Amino acid sequence: MKRLLNIMALLVSAPLAHAECPLDRIEEALNASLDAMKPLERDVTDVRSTQGGIWQIYRETDGRVTAIVRNDYGETGRNELRLGVVSRRFYGIASTRMDYFHHIFDEKPNAVARKITNYYYFCDGKLLPPDDDTGHFDREAVSGEGATEWQRIFGDKDVAEFTGDLAR
């Protein structure tokens, strides 16, 4: 009987942990406007593009980090990596690629021709992949991409002092 209760508790706790992850709040944090906040800016030291990059760290008045954004600039587009923080336990990463309509050195007005964003949700520091039954996701690819983007933020010495207290 005790063994049966332990098995039942294990089965019930797995979906509950998934249900406790506030995906809506994480998505809101990833898409919230940062226009009203003044960021602390730092140059990217591990430059991955021809035009360089910049980190922007957004904090509340109490010093709590709400977002960290990395922009890598290039002649034909820009990559943006954004960490949106709900709490120490819950956060997300949005990885966006923007391709320009023209090369930046063309003497024409320019605009973004294509913009693709992938979202990754983390609960207690663990990547939460899409459900099995969604059918249109390659769960292994999402997990690999999410781990890569997580490492790009949490493994970077430029912003380590701001990510240290988040669950890993």
N, C-alpha and C. Protein backbone atom coordinates (compact mmCIF):
# COMPACT_ATOMS: atom_id res chain seq x y z
N MET A 1 0.83 -1.20 0.00
CA MET A 1 0.00 0.00 0.00
C MET A 1 0.87 1.27 0.00
N LYS A 2 1.91 1.26 0.84
CA LYS A 2 2.79 2.41 0.90
C LYS A 2 3.47 2.65 -0.45
N ARG A 3 3.87 1.54 -1.09
CA ARG A 3 4.52 1.66 -2.40
C ARG A 3 3.55 2.24 -3.42
N LEU A 4 2.30 1.83 -3.39
CA LEU A 4 1.29 2.34 -4.29
C LEU A 4 1.08 3.84 -4.07
N LEU A 5 1.05 4.28 -2.82
CA LEU A 5 0.90 5.70 -2.52
C LEU A 5 2.09 6.50 -3.03
N ASN A 6 3.30 5.96 -2.90
CA ASN A 6 4.49 6.64 -3.40
C ASN A 6 4.44 6.79 -4.92
N ILE A 7 4.01 5.74 -5.61
CA ILE A 7 3.91 5.79 -7.07
C ILE A 7 2.86 6.82 -7.48
N MET A 8 1.73 6.82 -6.80
CA MET A 8 0.67 7.78 -7.11
C MET A 8 1.15 9.21 -6.88
N ALA A 9 1.87 9.43 -5.80
CA ALA A 9 2.38 10.77 -5.50
C ALA A 9 3.35 11.23 -6.58
N LEU A 10 4.19 10.32 -7.06
CA LEU A 10 5.14 10.65 -8.12
C LEU A 10 4.41 11.01 -9.41
N LEU A 11 3.41 10.24 -9.77
CA LEU A 11 2.66 10.51 -11.00
C LEU A 11 1.90 11.82 -10.93
N VAL A 12 1.36 12.13 -9.77
CA VAL A 12 0.60 13.37 -9.61
C VAL A 12 1.53 14.57 -9.57
N SER A 13 2.72 14.43 -8.99
CA SER A 13 3.62 15.58 -8.84
C SER A 13 4.23 16.02 -10.15
N ALA A 14 4.46 15.12 -11.09
CA ALA A 14 5.08 15.50 -12.36
C ALA A 14 4.23 16.50 -13.13
N PRO A 15 2.93 16.23 -13.38
CA PRO A 15 2.14 17.22 -14.10
C PRO A 15 1.92 18.48 -13.27
N LEU A 16 1.88 18.35 -11.96
CA LEU A 16 1.66 19.51 -11.11
C LEU A 16 2.82 20.50 -11.24
N ALA A 17 4.05 19.97 -11.29
CA ALA A 17 5.20 20.85 -11.44
C ALA A 17 5.09 21.63 -12.75
N HIS A 18 4.65 20.97 -13.79
CA HIS A 18 4.46 21.63 -15.09
C HIS A 18 3.36 22.68 -14.98
N ALA A 19 2.29 22.35 -14.27
CA ALA A 19 1.17 23.27 -14.12
C ALA A 19 1.53 24.49 -13.27
N GLU A 20 2.48 24.35 -12.38
CA GLU A 20 2.87 25.46 -11.50
C GLU A 20 3.76 26.49 -12.19
N CYS A 21 4.27 26.17 -13.36
CA CYS A 21 5.13 27.10 -14.09
C CYS A 21 4.26 28.18 -14.74
N PRO A 22 4.45 29.45 -14.38
CA PRO A 22 3.58 30.52 -14.89
C PRO A 22 3.98 30.97 -16.30
N LEU A 23 3.68 30.13 -17.28
CA LEU A 23 4.07 30.42 -18.66
C LEU A 23 3.56 31.78 -19.14
N ASP A 24 2.34 32.13 -18.74
CA ASP A 24 1.78 33.41 -19.17
C ASP A 24 2.57 34.59 -18.61
N ARG A 25 3.00 34.49 -17.36
CA ARG A 25 3.78 35.57 -16.76
C ARG A 25 5.19 35.66 -17.36
N ILE A 26 5.76 34.49 -17.69
CA ILE A 26 7.08 34.50 -18.33
C ILE A 26 6.98 35.13 -19.71
N GLU A 27 5.96 34.74 -20.47
CA GLU A 27 5.77 35.32 -21.80
C GLU A 27 5.56 36.83 -21.70
N GLU A 28 4.81 37.26 -20.71
CA GLU A 28 4.59 38.70 -20.49
C GLU A 28 5.91 39.41 -20.22
N ALA A 29 6.77 38.80 -19.40
CA ALA A 29 8.08 39.39 -19.09
C ALA A 29 8.96 39.48 -20.34
N LEU A 30 8.84 38.50 -21.22
CA LEU A 30 9.65 38.49 -22.44
C LEU A 30 9.18 39.52 -23.46
N ASN A 31 7.92 39.92 -23.37
CA ASN A 31 7.36 40.86 -24.35
C ASN A 31 7.07 42.24 -23.77
N ALA A 32 7.35 42.44 -22.50
CA ALA A 32 7.07 43.73 -21.86
C ALA A 32 7.93 44.83 -22.46
N SER A 33 7.34 46.01 -22.58
CA SER A 33 8.09 47.15 -23.07
C SER A 33 9.14 47.57 -22.04
N LEU A 34 10.31 47.87 -22.53
CA LEU A 34 11.40 48.32 -21.67
C LEU A 34 11.68 49.81 -21.88
N ASP A 35 10.85 50.46 -22.67
CA ASP A 35 11.08 51.86 -23.05
C ASP A 35 11.17 52.81 -21.86
N ALA A 36 10.42 52.56 -20.81
CA ALA A 36 10.39 53.48 -19.67
C ALA A 36 11.57 53.29 -18.73
N MET A 37 12.36 52.24 -18.93
CA MET A 37 13.48 51.95 -18.04
C MET A 37 14.79 52.36 -18.71
N LYS A 38 15.71 52.86 -17.90
CA LYS A 38 17.04 53.20 -18.42
C LYS A 38 17.98 52.03 -18.09
N PRO A 39 18.54 51.42 -19.13
CA PRO A 39 19.40 50.26 -18.87
C PRO A 39 20.83 50.64 -18.51
N LEU A 40 21.48 49.73 -17.81
CA LEU A 40 22.92 49.77 -17.65
C LEU A 40 23.46 49.09 -18.90
N GLU A 41 24.38 49.75 -19.62
CA GLU A 41 24.88 49.19 -20.88
C GLU A 41 26.34 48.80 -20.75
N ARG A 42 26.65 47.67 -21.39
CA ARG A 42 28.02 47.17 -21.44
C ARG A 42 28.29 46.63 -22.84
N ASP A 43 29.48 46.88 -23.33
CA ASP A 43 29.85 46.30 -24.61
C ASP A 43 30.01 44.79 -24.47
N VAL A 44 29.66 44.07 -25.50
CA VAL A 44 29.87 42.62 -25.55
C VAL A 44 31.36 42.39 -25.75
N THR A 45 31.96 41.56 -24.92
CA THR A 45 33.40 41.30 -25.06
C THR A 45 33.70 40.12 -25.97
N ASP A 46 32.77 39.18 -26.10
CA ASP A 46 32.97 38.06 -27.04
C ASP A 46 32.19 38.36 -28.32
N VAL A 47 32.71 39.29 -29.10
CA VAL A 47 32.03 39.80 -30.29
C VAL A 47 31.81 38.67 -31.29
N ARG A 48 30.55 38.55 -31.75
CA ARG A 48 30.18 37.51 -32.71
C ARG A 48 29.66 38.09 -34.02
N SER A 49 29.82 39.38 -34.18
CA SER A 49 29.33 40.00 -35.41
C SER A 49 30.25 41.13 -35.83
N THR A 50 30.12 41.53 -37.07
CA THR A 50 31.03 42.53 -37.63
C THR A 50 30.83 43.92 -37.04
N GLN A 51 29.64 44.21 -36.58
CA GLN A 51 29.35 45.54 -36.05
C GLN A 51 29.37 45.60 -34.53
N GLY A 52 29.76 44.50 -33.87
CA GLY A 52 29.85 44.49 -32.42
C GLY A 52 28.52 44.23 -31.75
N GLY A 53 28.51 44.37 -30.44
CA GLY A 53 27.28 44.11 -29.70
C GLY A 53 27.26 44.85 -28.39
N ILE A 54 26.09 44.84 -27.76
CA ILE A 54 25.90 45.53 -26.49
C ILE A 54 24.96 44.74 -25.60
N TRP A 55 25.25 44.74 -24.32
CA TRP A 55 24.36 44.20 -23.30
C TRP A 55 23.59 45.36 -22.69
N GLN A 56 22.32 45.15 -22.41
CA GLN A 56 21.51 46.12 -21.70
C GLN A 56 20.88 45.40 -20.51
N ILE A 57 21.16 45.88 -19.31
CA ILE A 57 20.64 45.28 -18.09
C ILE A 57 19.59 46.22 -17.52
N TYR A 58 18.37 45.71 -17.38
CA TYR A 58 17.25 46.50 -16.87
C TYR A 58 16.94 46.05 -15.44
N ARG A 59 16.94 47.03 -14.52
CA ARG A 59 16.68 46.72 -13.11
C ARG A 59 15.61 47.63 -12.53
N GLU A 60 14.91 47.07 -11.55
CA GLU A 60 13.95 47.86 -10.79
C GLU A 60 14.72 48.80 -9.86
N THR A 61 14.04 49.72 -9.22
CA THR A 61 14.71 50.67 -8.32
C THR A 61 15.37 49.96 -7.14
N ASP A 62 14.87 48.77 -6.77
CA ASP A 62 15.48 48.02 -5.68
C ASP A 62 16.68 47.19 -6.14
N GLY A 63 17.04 47.28 -7.43
CA GLY A 63 18.19 46.57 -7.96
C GLY A 63 17.87 45.22 -8.58
N ARG A 64 16.65 44.75 -8.42
CA ARG A 64 16.25 43.45 -8.96
C ARG A 64 16.24 43.50 -10.49
N VAL A 65 16.87 42.50 -11.12
CA VAL A 65 16.93 42.43 -12.57
C VAL A 65 15.58 41.99 -13.12
N THR A 66 15.08 42.74 -14.11
CA THR A 66 13.83 42.34 -14.77
C THR A 66 14.09 41.85 -16.19
N ALA A 67 15.17 42.33 -16.81
CA ALA A 67 15.50 41.89 -18.16
C ALA A 67 16.96 42.15 -18.45
N ILE A 68 17.52 41.27 -19.26
CA ILE A 68 18.86 41.46 -19.80
C ILE A 68 18.73 41.21 -21.30
N VAL A 69 19.24 42.16 -22.09
CA VAL A 69 19.13 42.06 -23.54
C VAL A 69 20.53 42.15 -24.14
N ARG A 70 20.82 41.22 -25.05
CA ARG A 70 22.07 41.27 -25.80
C ARG A 70 21.72 41.49 -27.26
N ASN A 71 22.33 42.51 -27.85
CA ASN A 71 22.17 42.78 -29.28
C ASN A 71 23.51 42.59 -29.97
N ASP A 72 23.51 41.78 -31.03
CA ASP A 72 24.67 41.60 -31.90
C ASP A 72 24.29 42.18 -33.25
N TYR A 73 25.05 43.18 -33.69
CA TYR A 73 24.72 43.91 -34.91
C TYR A 73 25.56 43.42 -36.09
N GLY A 74 24.96 43.41 -37.26
CA GLY A 74 25.66 43.03 -38.49
C GLY A 74 25.18 43.88 -39.65
N GLU A 75 25.80 43.69 -40.79
CA GLU A 75 25.46 44.49 -41.97
C GLU A 75 24.09 44.12 -42.54
N THR A 76 23.69 42.87 -42.38
CA THR A 76 22.45 42.41 -43.01
C THR A 76 21.34 42.10 -42.01
N GLY A 77 21.64 42.26 -40.73
CA GLY A 77 20.62 41.96 -39.73
C GLY A 77 21.16 42.08 -38.32
N ARG A 78 20.32 41.68 -37.38
CA ARG A 78 20.67 41.80 -35.98
C ARG A 78 20.11 40.61 -35.22
N ASN A 79 20.85 40.14 -34.23
CA ASN A 79 20.39 39.10 -33.32
C ASN A 79 20.15 39.72 -31.95
N GLU A 80 19.02 39.38 -31.36
CA GLU A 80 18.71 39.87 -30.02
C GLU A 80 18.40 38.67 -29.13
N LEU A 81 19.02 38.65 -27.98
CA LEU A 81 18.79 37.62 -26.98
C LEU A 81 18.27 38.33 -25.73
N ARG A 82 17.09 37.91 -25.25
CA ARG A 82 16.48 38.62 -24.12
C ARG A 82 16.11 37.64 -23.01
N LEU A 83 16.57 37.95 -21.82
CA LEU A 83 16.18 37.23 -20.62
C LEU A 83 15.10 38.05 -19.93
N GLY A 84 13.94 37.46 -19.73
CA GLY A 84 12.85 38.12 -19.01
C GLY A 84 12.64 37.41 -17.68
N VAL A 85 12.72 38.14 -16.59
CA VAL A 85 12.68 37.54 -15.26
C VAL A 85 11.35 37.83 -14.58
N VAL A 86 10.68 36.76 -14.14
CA VAL A 86 9.47 36.89 -13.33
C VAL A 86 9.86 36.84 -11.86
N SER A 87 10.70 35.86 -11.52
CA SER A 87 11.21 35.71 -10.16
C SER A 87 12.51 34.91 -10.24
N ARG A 88 13.11 34.68 -9.11
CA ARG A 88 14.34 33.90 -9.07
C ARG A 88 14.14 32.52 -9.67
N ARG A 89 12.93 31.97 -9.54
CA ARG A 89 12.62 30.61 -10.00
C ARG A 89 12.10 30.55 -11.43
N PHE A 90 11.48 31.62 -11.91
CA PHE A 90 10.79 31.59 -13.19
C PHE A 90 11.29 32.69 -14.12
N TYR A 91 11.78 32.29 -15.28
CA TYR A 91 12.26 33.25 -16.25
C TYR A 91 12.20 32.62 -17.64
N GLY A 92 12.40 33.44 -18.65
CA GLY A 92 12.39 32.95 -20.03
C GLY A 92 13.45 33.64 -20.85
N ILE A 93 13.72 33.04 -21.99
CA ILE A 93 14.67 33.61 -22.94
C ILE A 93 13.98 33.68 -24.30
N ALA A 94 14.09 34.83 -24.94
CA ALA A 94 13.59 35.01 -26.30
C ALA A 94 14.80 35.26 -27.19
N SER A 95 14.90 34.49 -28.25
CA SER A 95 15.99 34.63 -29.21
C SER A 95 15.39 35.10 -30.53
N THR A 96 15.80 36.30 -30.96
CA THR A 96 15.19 36.92 -32.15
C THR A 96 16.25 37.20 -33.20
N ARG A 97 15.93 36.85 -34.44
CA ARG A 97 16.77 37.18 -35.59
C ARG A 97 15.99 38.14 -36.47
N MET A 98 16.60 39.30 -36.77
CA MET A 98 15.99 40.30 -37.64
C MET A 98 16.86 40.46 -38.88
N ASP A 99 16.28 40.28 -40.04
CA ASP A 99 16.99 40.48 -41.30
C ASP A 99 16.54 41.80 -41.90
N TYR A 100 17.50 42.61 -42.33
CA TYR A 100 17.20 43.91 -42.89
C TYR A 100 16.74 43.82 -44.34
N PHE A 101 15.97 44.79 -44.75
CA PHE A 101 15.48 44.88 -46.11
C PHE A 101 16.62 45.16 -47.08
N HIS A 102 17.57 45.99 -46.66
CA HIS A 102 18.75 46.32 -47.45
C HIS A 102 19.98 46.12 -46.57
N HIS A 103 21.12 46.01 -47.20
CA HIS A 103 22.40 46.03 -46.51
C HIS A 103 22.53 47.39 -45.82
N ILE A 104 23.08 47.45 -44.60
CA ILE A 104 23.11 48.73 -43.87
C ILE A 104 23.94 49.80 -44.56
N PHE A 105 24.83 49.41 -45.45
CA PHE A 105 25.66 50.40 -46.12
C PHE A 105 25.02 50.95 -47.40
N ASP A 106 23.86 50.40 -47.79
CA ASP A 106 23.12 50.99 -48.91
C ASP A 106 22.61 52.34 -48.45
N GLU A 107 22.64 53.30 -49.34
CA GLU A 107 22.17 54.63 -48.97
C GLU A 107 20.68 54.77 -49.26
N LYS A 108 19.91 53.87 -48.69
CA LYS A 108 18.46 53.85 -48.84
C LYS A 108 17.86 53.73 -47.44
N PRO A 109 16.64 54.19 -47.27
CA PRO A 109 15.97 53.94 -45.99
C PRO A 109 15.89 52.43 -45.76
N ASN A 110 16.03 52.01 -44.54
CA ASN A 110 16.06 50.58 -44.25
C ASN A 110 14.95 50.19 -43.29
N ALA A 111 14.67 48.92 -43.25
CA ALA A 111 13.64 48.38 -42.36
C ALA A 111 13.92 46.90 -42.14
N VAL A 112 13.23 46.32 -41.19
CA VAL A 112 13.33 44.88 -40.94
C VAL A 112 12.42 44.16 -41.93
N ALA A 113 13.00 43.24 -42.69
CA ALA A 113 12.24 42.49 -43.69
C ALA A 113 11.66 41.20 -43.11
N ARG A 114 12.36 40.63 -42.13
CA ARG A 114 11.90 39.39 -41.52
C ARG A 114 12.36 39.37 -40.07
N LYS A 115 11.48 38.87 -39.20
CA LYS A 115 11.79 38.80 -37.77
C LYS A 115 11.25 37.47 -37.24
N ILE A 116 12.14 36.66 -36.68
CA ILE A 116 11.76 35.35 -36.15
C ILE A 116 12.21 35.28 -34.70
N THR A 117 11.27 34.92 -33.82
CA THR A 117 11.58 34.82 -32.39
C THR A 117 11.23 33.43 -31.89
N ASN A 118 12.14 32.84 -31.13
CA ASN A 118 11.90 31.57 -30.45
C ASN A 118 11.92 31.84 -28.95
N TYR A 119 10.97 31.22 -28.24
CA TYR A 119 10.83 31.42 -26.80
C TYR A 119 11.19 30.14 -26.05
N TYR A 120 11.87 30.33 -24.91
CA TYR A 120 12.26 29.22 -24.05
C TYR A 120 11.86 29.57 -22.62
N TYR A 121 11.18 28.66 -21.96
CA TYR A 121 10.64 28.89 -20.62
C TYR A 121 11.40 28.04 -19.60
N PHE A 122 11.79 28.69 -18.49
CA PHE A 122 12.56 28.00 -17.47
C PHE A 122 11.84 28.10 -16.12
N CYS A 123 11.68 26.95 -15.48
CA CYS A 123 11.04 26.87 -14.17
C CYS A 123 11.99 26.15 -13.23
N ASP A 124 12.32 26.80 -12.13
CA ASP A 124 13.33 26.29 -11.20
C ASP A 124 14.65 26.00 -11.92
N GLY A 125 14.95 26.83 -12.92
CA GLY A 125 16.20 26.70 -13.64
C GLY A 125 16.22 25.62 -14.70
N LYS A 126 15.12 24.92 -14.91
CA LYS A 126 15.05 23.83 -15.88
C LYS A 126 14.20 24.26 -17.07
N LEU A 127 14.69 23.95 -18.26
CA LEU A 127 13.96 24.25 -19.49
C LEU A 127 12.69 23.42 -19.54
N LEU A 128 11.58 24.08 -19.83
CA LEU A 128 10.30 23.41 -19.94
C LEU A 128 9.98 23.24 -21.43
N PRO A 129 10.15 22.03 -21.98
CA PRO A 129 9.86 21.85 -23.41
C PRO A 129 8.36 21.80 -23.66
N PRO A 130 7.95 22.00 -24.92
CA PRO A 130 6.52 21.91 -25.25
C PRO A 130 5.99 20.51 -24.94
N ASP A 131 4.70 20.41 -24.71
CA ASP A 131 4.07 19.12 -24.45
C ASP A 131 4.25 18.17 -25.62
N ASP A 132 4.27 16.89 -25.32
CA ASP A 132 4.39 15.87 -26.36
C ASP A 132 3.26 15.92 -27.37
N ASP A 133 2.08 16.26 -26.91
CA ASP A 133 0.90 16.17 -27.78
C ASP A 133 0.71 17.37 -28.71
N THR A 134 1.64 18.35 -28.68
CA THR A 134 1.47 19.47 -29.61
C THR A 134 1.77 19.05 -31.04
N GLY A 135 2.65 18.07 -31.21
CA GLY A 135 2.87 17.45 -32.50
C GLY A 135 3.73 18.22 -33.50
N HIS A 136 3.81 19.52 -33.39
CA HIS A 136 4.57 20.27 -34.40
C HIS A 136 5.92 20.75 -33.89
N PHE A 137 6.36 20.25 -32.75
CA PHE A 137 7.66 20.63 -32.20
C PHE A 137 8.60 19.44 -32.19
N ASP A 138 9.83 19.70 -32.50
CA ASP A 138 10.88 18.71 -32.31
C ASP A 138 11.43 18.98 -30.90
N ARG A 139 10.95 18.21 -29.94
CA ARG A 139 11.31 18.45 -28.53
C ARG A 139 12.81 18.44 -28.30
N GLU A 140 13.53 17.56 -28.99
CA GLU A 140 14.99 17.51 -28.82
C GLU A 140 15.64 18.79 -29.35
N ALA A 141 15.16 19.27 -30.48
CA ALA A 141 15.72 20.51 -31.04
C ALA A 141 15.44 21.68 -30.11
N VAL A 142 14.21 21.77 -29.60
CA VAL A 142 13.86 22.85 -28.67
C VAL A 142 14.74 22.79 -27.43
N SER A 143 14.94 21.59 -26.90
CA SER A 143 15.79 21.44 -25.70
C SER A 143 17.23 21.85 -25.99
N GLY A 144 17.75 21.45 -27.14
CA GLY A 144 19.12 21.81 -27.50
C GLY A 144 19.28 23.30 -27.72
N GLU A 145 18.33 23.91 -28.44
CA GLU A 145 18.39 25.35 -28.69
C GLU A 145 18.23 26.12 -27.39
N GLY A 146 17.31 25.69 -26.55
CA GLY A 146 17.10 26.36 -25.26
C GLY A 146 18.35 26.30 -24.39
N ALA A 147 19.01 25.15 -24.38
CA ALA A 147 20.24 25.01 -23.59
C ALA A 147 21.34 25.91 -24.14
N THR A 148 21.42 26.03 -25.45
CA THR A 148 22.42 26.90 -26.07
C THR A 148 22.18 28.36 -25.71
N GLU A 149 20.93 28.80 -25.83
CA GLU A 149 20.61 30.20 -25.51
C GLU A 149 20.80 30.47 -24.02
N TRP A 150 20.45 29.51 -23.18
CA TRP A 150 20.67 29.65 -21.73
C TRP A 150 22.15 29.86 -21.46
N GLN A 151 22.99 29.05 -22.09
CA GLN A 151 24.44 29.16 -21.90
C GLN A 151 24.98 30.50 -22.39
N ARG A 152 24.39 31.04 -23.46
CA ARG A 152 24.85 32.33 -23.98
C ARG A 152 24.65 33.45 -22.97
N ILE A 153 23.63 33.33 -22.14
CA ILE A 153 23.40 34.35 -21.11
C ILE A 153 24.09 33.96 -19.81
N PHE A 154 23.79 32.78 -19.29
CA PHE A 154 24.28 32.40 -17.98
C PHE A 154 25.76 32.04 -17.96
N GLY A 155 26.34 31.77 -19.12
CA GLY A 155 27.76 31.45 -19.20
C GLY A 155 28.63 32.63 -19.57
N ASP A 156 28.04 33.80 -19.74
CA ASP A 156 28.80 34.96 -20.17
C ASP A 156 29.27 35.79 -18.99
N LYS A 157 30.56 36.03 -18.94
CA LYS A 157 31.15 36.78 -17.81
C LYS A 157 30.71 38.24 -17.78
N ASP A 158 30.27 38.77 -18.94
CA ASP A 158 29.85 40.17 -18.99
C ASP A 158 28.65 40.47 -18.09
N VAL A 159 27.77 39.48 -17.89
CA VAL A 159 26.55 39.70 -17.11
C VAL A 159 26.41 38.73 -15.93
N ALA A 160 27.47 38.01 -15.62
CA ALA A 160 27.41 36.99 -14.56
C ALA A 160 26.95 37.57 -13.22
N GLU A 161 27.35 38.77 -12.92
CA GLU A 161 26.95 39.37 -11.62
C GLU A 161 25.44 39.61 -11.53
N PHE A 162 24.75 39.64 -12.67
CA PHE A 162 23.30 39.89 -12.68
C PHE A 162 22.48 38.62 -12.78
N THR A 163 23.09 37.51 -13.13
CA THR A 163 22.36 36.24 -13.28
C THR A 163 22.64 35.26 -12.15
N GLY A 164 23.56 35.58 -11.28
CA GLY A 164 24.02 34.66 -10.26
C GLY A 164 22.96 34.16 -9.29
N ASP A 165 21.94 34.95 -9.00
CA ASP A 165 20.95 34.51 -8.02
C ASP A 165 19.72 33.82 -8.64
N LEU A 166 19.72 33.66 -9.96
CA LEU A 166 18.60 32.99 -10.61
C LEU A 166 18.80 31.47 -10.55
N ALA A 167 17.69 30.73 -10.43
CA ALA A 167 17.75 29.27 -10.34
C ALA A 167 18.42 28.69 -11.57
N ARG A 168 19.25 27.68 -11.30
CA ARG A 168 19.98 27.02 -12.40
C ARG A 168 19.75 25.54 -12.35
